[in-house]
């Protein structure tokens, strides 16, 4: 599943963008949408650790906190989100490069152009994304690893804890998942947990604090893993 953010101070424009985007994404994956009426709302969501968007369609000309200030904050905080600027003027087109924007679209929105950009984005994301392929209720599913905070074992099942989503469970073993993901950014800290290093906030020999505030225990067997992180100087 992909999470789309639409930030525009005009409700009508939010709906227009949504109508086009959801029509294109239907071909690829399920999607969730979050709406913001100002850049300030985006910044507040980031500060509250409640921002889960993979792609943000961001209006530039908004009162109070405009799109450029918002994009600057996003990049300074190293938030992992792609940005498509949406604006009425070409005046700031080169700012798109400054903030590593995926694209820059002019209002009024051209349906064909936005559709093309969404298709290009999804093809690029799918091509480069690291995925775990699992089976849930007899259906083949793919899980984007950059959204997984951690895996936990519960009996004969593995639970997937993802940003902004409910837990998903499938039959399997943590040890098997760890083996499959050994070349990815995941570490084992306990026989029942496999963590995404990108979401580690703090750690000690007894527990690891994640960016969502959860604390995961470290067992004796895996203390060496934490020591290795310290040697590398990774606060990750």
Protein backbone atom coordinates (compact mmCIF):
# COMPACT_ATOMS: atom_id res chain seq x y z
CA UNK A 1 0.00 0.00 0.00
CA UNK A 2 1.15 3.52 -0.79
CA UNK A 3 0.33 6.64 1.23
CA UNK A 4 -0.39 9.87 -0.68
CA UNK A 5 -0.45 13.33 0.87
CA UNK A 6 -2.31 16.21 -0.81
CA UNK A 7 -1.50 19.67 0.53
CA UNK A 8 -3.55 22.54 -0.88
CA UNK A 9 -5.53 25.32 0.78
CA UNK A 10 -8.40 24.84 -1.70
CA UNK A 11 -10.71 21.89 -0.97
CA UNK A 12 -11.84 21.78 -4.59
CA UNK A 13 -8.25 21.37 -5.77
CA UNK A 14 -7.67 18.62 -3.20
CA UNK A 15 -10.60 16.69 -4.63
CA UNK A 16 -9.52 17.24 -8.23
CA UNK A 17 -6.03 15.93 -7.49
CA UNK A 18 -7.44 12.98 -5.56
CA UNK A 19 -9.78 12.01 -8.41
CA UNK A 20 -6.91 11.84 -10.88
CA UNK A 21 -4.40 10.15 -8.58
CA UNK A 22 -6.72 7.46 -7.27
CA UNK A 23 -7.78 6.60 -10.83
CA UNK A 24 -4.14 5.93 -11.77
CA UNK A 25 -3.10 4.18 -8.55
CA UNK A 26 -5.97 1.70 -8.87
CA UNK A 27 -3.81 -0.10 -11.46
CA UNK A 28 -0.89 -0.53 -9.09
CA UNK A 29 -1.73 -0.78 -5.43
CA UNK A 30 -4.12 0.13 -2.65
CA UNK A 31 -3.62 3.68 -1.43
CA UNK A 32 -4.33 5.80 1.61
CA UNK A 33 -4.76 9.57 1.43
CA UNK A 34 -4.09 12.35 3.91
CA UNK A 35 -5.19 15.92 3.26
CA UNK A 36 -3.44 19.05 4.49
CA UNK A 37 -4.79 22.58 4.09
CA UNK A 38 -1.45 24.29 4.74
CA UNK A 39 2.25 23.66 4.97
CA UNK A 40 1.94 24.28 8.69
CA UNK A 41 -0.23 21.17 9.02
CA UNK A 42 2.42 19.09 7.24
CA UNK A 43 5.14 20.41 9.53
CA UNK A 44 3.03 19.75 12.63
CA UNK A 45 2.44 16.17 11.48
CA UNK A 46 6.18 15.64 11.04
CA UNK A 47 6.94 17.14 14.45
CA UNK A 48 4.36 14.82 16.03
CA UNK A 49 5.89 11.83 14.21
CA UNK A 50 2.55 11.39 12.48
CA UNK A 51 3.60 11.87 8.86
CA UNK A 52 3.56 8.69 6.77
CA UNK A 53 3.34 9.88 3.18
CA UNK A 54 5.36 8.27 0.40
CA UNK A 55 4.40 11.00 -2.06
CA UNK A 56 3.29 14.56 -1.26
CA UNK A 57 1.52 16.72 -3.84
CA UNK A 58 2.37 20.14 -2.49
CA UNK A 59 0.89 23.50 -3.48
CA UNK A 60 3.45 26.30 -3.44
CA UNK A 61 1.20 29.34 -3.06
CA UNK A 62 -0.46 28.98 0.33
CA UNK A 63 -0.99 31.52 3.13
CA UNK A 64 1.17 31.41 6.27
CA UNK A 65 3.55 28.52 5.51
CA UNK A 66 3.98 28.13 1.76
CA UNK A 67 5.03 25.04 -0.14
CA UNK A 68 8.68 26.03 -0.53
CA UNK A 69 9.12 26.62 3.21
CA UNK A 70 7.44 23.29 3.84
CA UNK A 71 9.70 21.48 1.36
CA UNK A 72 12.76 23.13 2.93
CA UNK A 73 11.70 21.84 6.36
CA UNK A 74 11.04 18.37 4.97
CA UNK A 75 14.52 18.13 3.45
CA UNK A 76 16.24 19.59 6.51
CA UNK A 77 14.54 16.92 8.65
CA UNK A 78 15.52 14.28 6.09
CA UNK A 79 11.95 13.03 5.84
CA UNK A 80 11.80 10.27 3.25
CA UNK A 81 9.02 11.52 0.98
CA UNK A 82 8.85 12.37 -2.71
CA UNK A 83 7.37 15.75 -3.64
CA UNK A 84 5.38 16.90 -6.64
CA UNK A 85 4.97 20.68 -6.58
CA UNK A 86 1.64 22.04 -7.81
CA UNK A 87 1.40 25.78 -8.49
CA UNK A 88 -0.16 28.50 -10.63
CA UNK A 89 3.17 29.94 -11.82
CA UNK A 90 6.44 28.84 -13.41
CA UNK A 91 8.22 31.35 -11.20
CA UNK A 92 9.54 28.70 -8.80
CA UNK A 93 10.21 25.91 -11.27
CA UNK A 94 13.94 25.82 -10.48
CA UNK A 95 13.22 25.49 -6.78
CA UNK A 96 12.00 22.03 -7.64
CA UNK A 97 15.61 21.03 -8.23
CA UNK A 98 16.73 22.64 -4.98
CA UNK A 99 14.34 20.47 -2.98
CA UNK A 100 14.78 17.33 -5.11
CA UNK A 101 11.17 17.42 -6.28
CA UNK A 102 9.97 14.48 -8.34
CA UNK A 103 8.01 16.80 -10.61
CA UNK A 104 6.52 20.29 -10.98
CA UNK A 105 2.97 20.77 -12.29
CA UNK A 106 1.11 23.93 -13.22
CA UNK A 107 -2.48 24.82 -12.37
CA UNK A 108 -5.01 24.41 -13.77
CA UNK A 109 -4.17 20.74 -13.47
CA UNK A 110 -3.85 18.89 -16.75
CA UNK A 111 -5.34 15.45 -16.14
CA UNK A 112 -3.11 13.74 -18.68
CA UNK A 113 0.08 15.32 -17.31
CA UNK A 114 -0.68 14.41 -13.69
CA UNK A 115 -1.66 10.89 -14.74
CA UNK A 116 1.65 10.53 -16.59
CA UNK A 117 3.62 11.70 -13.56
CA UNK A 118 1.82 9.31 -11.21
CA UNK A 119 2.50 6.43 -13.60
CA UNK A 120 6.16 7.44 -13.87
CA UNK A 121 6.43 7.67 -10.09
CA UNK A 122 4.91 4.24 -9.51
CA UNK A 123 7.06 2.58 -12.16
CA UNK A 124 10.18 4.12 -10.65
CA UNK A 125 9.17 3.23 -7.10
CA UNK A 126 8.35 -0.36 -8.01
CA UNK A 127 11.60 -0.74 -9.93
CA UNK A 128 13.82 0.40 -7.08
CA UNK A 129 11.80 -0.62 -4.03
CA UNK A 130 12.89 -3.42 -1.73
CA UNK A 131 9.93 -5.72 -1.16
CA UNK A 132 9.10 -8.79 0.86
CA UNK A 133 6.71 -11.19 -0.84
CA UNK A 134 4.34 -12.99 1.53
CA UNK A 135 1.08 -14.93 1.46
CA UNK A 136 -1.92 -13.72 3.47
CA UNK A 137 -5.15 -15.72 3.42
CA UNK A 138 -4.04 -17.48 0.26
CA UNK A 139 -3.23 -14.25 -1.57
CA UNK A 140 0.23 -13.18 -2.70
CA UNK A 141 1.13 -9.77 -1.29
CA UNK A 142 4.19 -7.54 -1.48
CA UNK A 143 5.31 -5.41 1.44
CA UNK A 144 7.50 -2.35 0.83
CA UNK A 145 10.33 -2.64 3.34
CA UNK A 146 10.83 1.12 3.69
CA UNK A 147 7.44 1.23 5.44
CA UNK A 148 8.17 -1.61 7.87
CA UNK A 149 9.19 -0.45 11.35
CA UNK A 150 9.73 -3.96 12.68
CA UNK A 151 8.68 -7.59 12.54
CA UNK A 152 7.66 -9.52 15.65
CA UNK A 153 7.04 -13.21 16.20
CA UNK A 154 3.87 -14.46 17.86
CA UNK A 155 3.52 -18.23 17.94
CA UNK A 156 3.52 -19.56 14.39
CA UNK A 157 2.92 -16.11 12.93
CA UNK A 158 5.03 -13.09 12.07
CA UNK A 159 3.47 -9.65 12.60
CA UNK A 160 4.47 -6.77 10.34
CA UNK A 161 4.40 -3.37 12.04
CA UNK A 162 4.27 -0.60 9.42
CA UNK A 163 4.12 3.18 9.50
CA UNK A 164 0.57 4.44 9.68
CA UNK A 165 -1.02 1.03 9.14
CA UNK A 166 -2.57 -1.75 11.18
CA UNK A 167 -0.50 -4.83 11.89
CA UNK A 168 -0.47 -7.54 9.24
CA UNK A 169 0.18 -11.18 10.15
CA UNK A 170 1.33 -14.14 8.09
CA UNK A 171 2.47 -17.66 8.90
CA UNK A 172 6.24 -17.90 9.24
CA UNK A 173 9.28 -17.57 11.47
CA UNK A 174 11.28 -14.49 12.42
CA UNK A 175 14.48 -16.43 11.71
CA UNK A 176 13.36 -17.08 8.14
CA UNK A 177 12.46 -13.42 7.59
CA UNK A 178 15.84 -12.38 9.03
CA UNK A 179 17.61 -14.69 6.61
CA UNK A 180 15.73 -13.28 3.62
CA UNK A 181 16.47 -9.69 4.72
CA UNK A 182 20.07 -10.18 5.84
CA UNK A 183 21.33 -7.82 3.11
CA UNK A 184 18.77 -5.13 4.00
CA UNK A 185 18.66 -2.57 6.82
CA UNK A 186 17.20 -4.93 9.42
CA UNK A 187 18.80 -6.15 12.64
CA UNK A 188 17.91 -8.89 15.10
CA UNK A 189 17.86 -7.78 18.74
CA UNK A 190 15.76 -10.58 20.21
CA UNK A 191 14.50 -13.97 19.10
CA UNK A 192 11.06 -12.41 18.61
CA UNK A 193 12.02 -9.10 16.94
CA UNK A 194 13.59 -7.91 13.71
CA UNK A 195 13.98 -4.11 13.45
CA UNK A 196 14.38 -1.67 10.58
CA UNK A 197 17.51 0.32 11.44
CA UNK A 198 16.06 3.43 9.82
CA UNK A 199 13.48 3.69 12.60
CA UNK A 200 15.89 3.28 15.53
CA UNK A 201 16.05 6.42 17.64
CA UNK A 202 18.15 5.35 20.65
CA UNK A 203 19.60 2.11 21.94
CA UNK A 204 21.34 0.55 24.92
CA UNK A 205 22.38 -2.97 25.90
CA UNK A 206 18.91 -3.70 27.25
CA UNK A 207 16.47 -2.01 24.87
CA UNK A 208 16.02 -0.14 21.62
CA UNK A 209 13.78 2.91 21.30
CA UNK A 210 12.07 3.34 17.94
CA UNK A 211 11.03 6.61 16.31
CA UNK A 212 7.37 5.84 17.10
CA UNK A 213 8.16 5.72 20.83
CA UNK A 214 8.02 1.95 21.23
CA UNK A 215 10.80 0.24 23.15
CA UNK A 216 11.96 -3.22 22.07
CA UNK A 217 13.95 -5.48 24.44
CA UNK A 218 17.47 -6.62 23.62
CA UNK A 219 18.30 -10.18 24.69
CA UNK A 220 21.78 -11.25 25.81
CA UNK A 221 22.31 -13.23 22.64
CA UNK A 222 22.05 -10.06 20.55
CA UNK A 223 23.96 -7.56 22.71
CA UNK A 224 26.85 -7.94 20.27
CA UNK A 225 24.59 -6.50 17.56
CA UNK A 226 24.17 -3.32 19.60
CA UNK A 227 27.91 -3.16 20.25
CA UNK A 228 28.47 -3.38 16.51
CA UNK A 229 26.14 -0.43 15.96
CA UNK A 230 28.12 1.60 18.49
CA UNK A 231 31.42 0.72 16.81
CA UNK A 232 30.06 1.95 13.51
CA UNK A 233 28.84 5.10 15.25
CA UNK A 234 25.32 4.49 13.98
CA UNK A 235 22.53 6.33 15.71
CA UNK A 236 20.59 5.29 12.60
